């Protein structure tokens, strides 16, 4: 079984930069996203979100 120093839930605006900082500090990190990488605003082109399909 693989182990991680940190698990980040959500790949919105804050998840990827946090993962980068933690890996830069030598930690092993898992980044978990249930749908689309980038978050609601990036994938729907509006702050309120909604289904991009």
N, C-alpha and C. Protein backbone atom coordinates (compact mmCIF):
# COMPACT_ATOMS: atom_id res chain seq x y z
N UNK A 1 0.84 -1.18 0.00
CA UNK A 1 0.00 0.00 0.00
C UNK A 1 0.89 1.25 0.00
N UNK A 2 0.52 2.21 -0.78
CA UNK A 2 1.28 3.46 -0.87
C UNK A 2 0.84 4.42 0.22
N UNK A 3 1.78 5.14 0.79
CA UNK A 3 1.45 6.13 1.82
C UNK A 3 1.87 7.52 1.34
N UNK A 4 1.21 8.54 1.87
CA UNK A 4 1.48 9.92 1.50
C UNK A 4 1.62 10.76 2.77
N UNK A 5 2.39 11.82 2.66
CA UNK A 5 2.51 12.77 3.76
C UNK A 5 1.28 13.66 3.83
N UNK A 6 0.67 13.93 2.68
CA UNK A 6 -0.51 14.80 2.63
C UNK A 6 -1.43 14.34 1.51
N UNK A 7 -2.72 14.47 1.74
CA UNK A 7 -3.73 14.19 0.72
C UNK A 7 -4.55 15.46 0.55
N UNK A 8 -4.57 15.98 -0.67
CA UNK A 8 -5.32 17.20 -0.98
C UNK A 8 -6.59 16.80 -1.70
N UNK A 9 -7.72 17.22 -1.16
CA UNK A 9 -9.01 16.90 -1.76
C UNK A 9 -9.50 18.11 -2.52
N UNK A 10 -9.55 17.99 -3.84
CA UNK A 10 -10.01 19.07 -4.70
C UNK A 10 -8.88 19.69 -5.51
N UNK A 11 -9.08 19.74 -6.81
CA UNK A 11 -8.08 20.30 -7.72
C UNK A 11 -8.60 21.60 -8.32
N UNK A 12 -9.19 22.44 -7.48
CA UNK A 12 -9.64 23.76 -7.91
C UNK A 12 -8.47 24.73 -7.89
N UNK A 13 -8.72 25.97 -7.59
CA UNK A 13 -7.67 26.99 -7.64
C UNK A 13 -6.55 26.77 -6.63
N UNK A 14 -6.85 26.25 -5.46
CA UNK A 14 -5.84 26.13 -4.42
C UNK A 14 -5.13 24.78 -4.39
N UNK A 15 -5.77 23.72 -4.87
CA UNK A 15 -5.19 22.38 -4.76
C UNK A 15 -3.85 22.20 -5.45
N UNK A 16 -3.73 22.48 -6.75
CA UNK A 16 -2.46 22.26 -7.44
C UNK A 16 -1.30 23.11 -6.89
N UNK A 17 -1.50 24.42 -6.60
CA UNK A 17 -0.38 25.17 -6.03
C UNK A 17 0.06 24.63 -4.67
N UNK A 18 -0.90 24.18 -3.86
CA UNK A 18 -0.55 23.59 -2.57
C UNK A 18 0.25 22.32 -2.77
N UNK A 19 -0.17 21.48 -3.71
CA UNK A 19 0.57 20.25 -4.01
C UNK A 19 1.99 20.57 -4.44
N UNK A 20 2.16 21.60 -5.25
CA UNK A 20 3.49 22.01 -5.69
C UNK A 20 4.37 22.46 -4.54
N UNK A 21 3.80 23.22 -3.63
CA UNK A 21 4.58 23.69 -2.47
C UNK A 21 4.98 22.53 -1.56
N UNK A 22 4.05 21.61 -1.36
CA UNK A 22 4.35 20.47 -0.48
C UNK A 22 5.39 19.55 -1.09
N UNK A 23 5.27 19.27 -2.39
CA UNK A 23 6.28 18.41 -3.03
C UNK A 23 7.62 19.12 -3.08
N UNK A 24 7.60 20.45 -3.24
CA UNK A 24 8.84 21.22 -3.21
C UNK A 24 9.53 21.14 -1.86
N UNK A 25 8.74 20.91 -0.81
CA UNK A 25 9.28 20.77 0.54
C UNK A 25 9.68 19.33 0.84
N UNK A 26 9.58 18.45 -0.18
CA UNK A 26 10.01 17.07 -0.01
C UNK A 26 8.94 16.11 0.45
N UNK A 27 7.69 16.54 0.49
CA UNK A 27 6.61 15.66 0.93
C UNK A 27 6.03 14.88 -0.24
N UNK A 28 5.50 13.69 0.04
CA UNK A 28 4.78 12.94 -0.99
C UNK A 28 3.31 13.32 -0.86
N UNK A 29 2.69 13.62 -2.00
CA UNK A 29 1.34 14.20 -2.00
C UNK A 29 0.43 13.44 -2.96
N UNK A 30 -0.82 13.23 -2.54
CA UNK A 30 -1.87 12.70 -3.41
C UNK A 30 -2.88 13.82 -3.61
N UNK A 31 -3.26 14.08 -4.85
CA UNK A 31 -4.26 15.10 -5.18
C UNK A 31 -5.48 14.38 -5.74
N UNK A 32 -6.62 14.53 -5.07
CA UNK A 32 -7.84 13.80 -5.44
C UNK A 32 -8.88 14.78 -5.96
N UNK A 33 -9.43 14.49 -7.13
CA UNK A 33 -10.48 15.34 -7.73
C UNK A 33 -11.58 14.42 -8.24
N UNK A 34 -12.82 14.71 -7.92
CA UNK A 34 -13.92 13.82 -8.31
C UNK A 34 -14.41 14.06 -9.73
N UNK A 35 -14.17 15.24 -10.30
CA UNK A 35 -14.73 15.50 -11.62
C UNK A 35 -13.70 16.12 -12.55
N UNK A 36 -13.63 17.43 -12.62
CA UNK A 36 -12.75 18.11 -13.57
C UNK A 36 -11.64 18.88 -12.86
N UNK A 37 -10.43 18.69 -13.32
CA UNK A 37 -9.29 19.41 -12.79
C UNK A 37 -9.42 20.89 -13.13
N UNK A 38 -9.23 21.75 -12.17
CA UNK A 38 -9.29 23.18 -12.41
C UNK A 38 -10.42 23.88 -11.67
N UNK A 39 -11.39 23.16 -11.21
CA UNK A 39 -12.49 23.76 -10.45
C UNK A 39 -13.64 24.24 -11.31
N UNK A 40 -14.68 24.70 -10.64
CA UNK A 40 -15.92 25.10 -11.29
C UNK A 40 -15.73 26.28 -12.24
N UNK A 41 -15.09 27.34 -11.77
CA UNK A 41 -14.95 28.55 -12.59
C UNK A 41 -14.19 28.28 -13.89
N UNK A 42 -13.12 27.54 -13.80
CA UNK A 42 -12.31 27.25 -14.99
C UNK A 42 -13.07 26.42 -16.00
N UNK A 43 -13.84 25.46 -15.53
CA UNK A 43 -14.50 24.52 -16.42
C UNK A 43 -15.89 24.94 -16.88
N UNK A 44 -16.49 25.96 -16.28
CA UNK A 44 -17.82 26.39 -16.70
C UNK A 44 -17.82 27.83 -17.19
N UNK A 45 -16.71 28.53 -17.03
CA UNK A 45 -16.56 29.91 -17.50
C UNK A 45 -17.51 30.87 -16.77
N UNK A 46 -17.88 30.53 -15.54
CA UNK A 46 -18.71 31.44 -14.75
C UNK A 46 -18.56 31.10 -13.27
N UNK A 47 -18.64 32.10 -12.41
CA UNK A 47 -18.43 31.89 -10.98
C UNK A 47 -19.46 30.98 -10.31
N UNK A 48 -20.71 31.01 -10.75
CA UNK A 48 -21.75 30.21 -10.11
C UNK A 48 -21.65 28.74 -10.39
N UNK A 49 -20.93 28.39 -11.45
CA UNK A 49 -20.77 26.99 -11.80
C UNK A 49 -21.91 26.42 -12.59
N UNK A 50 -22.16 25.18 -12.36
CA UNK A 50 -23.17 24.47 -13.14
C UNK A 50 -22.51 23.35 -13.90
N UNK A 51 -23.28 22.56 -14.55
CA UNK A 51 -22.75 21.43 -15.30
C UNK A 51 -22.21 21.92 -16.63
N UNK A 52 -20.90 21.69 -16.90
CA UNK A 52 -20.32 22.19 -18.15
C UNK A 52 -20.76 21.45 -19.41
N UNK A 53 -21.52 20.38 -19.28
CA UNK A 53 -21.89 19.61 -20.47
C UNK A 53 -23.07 20.16 -21.20
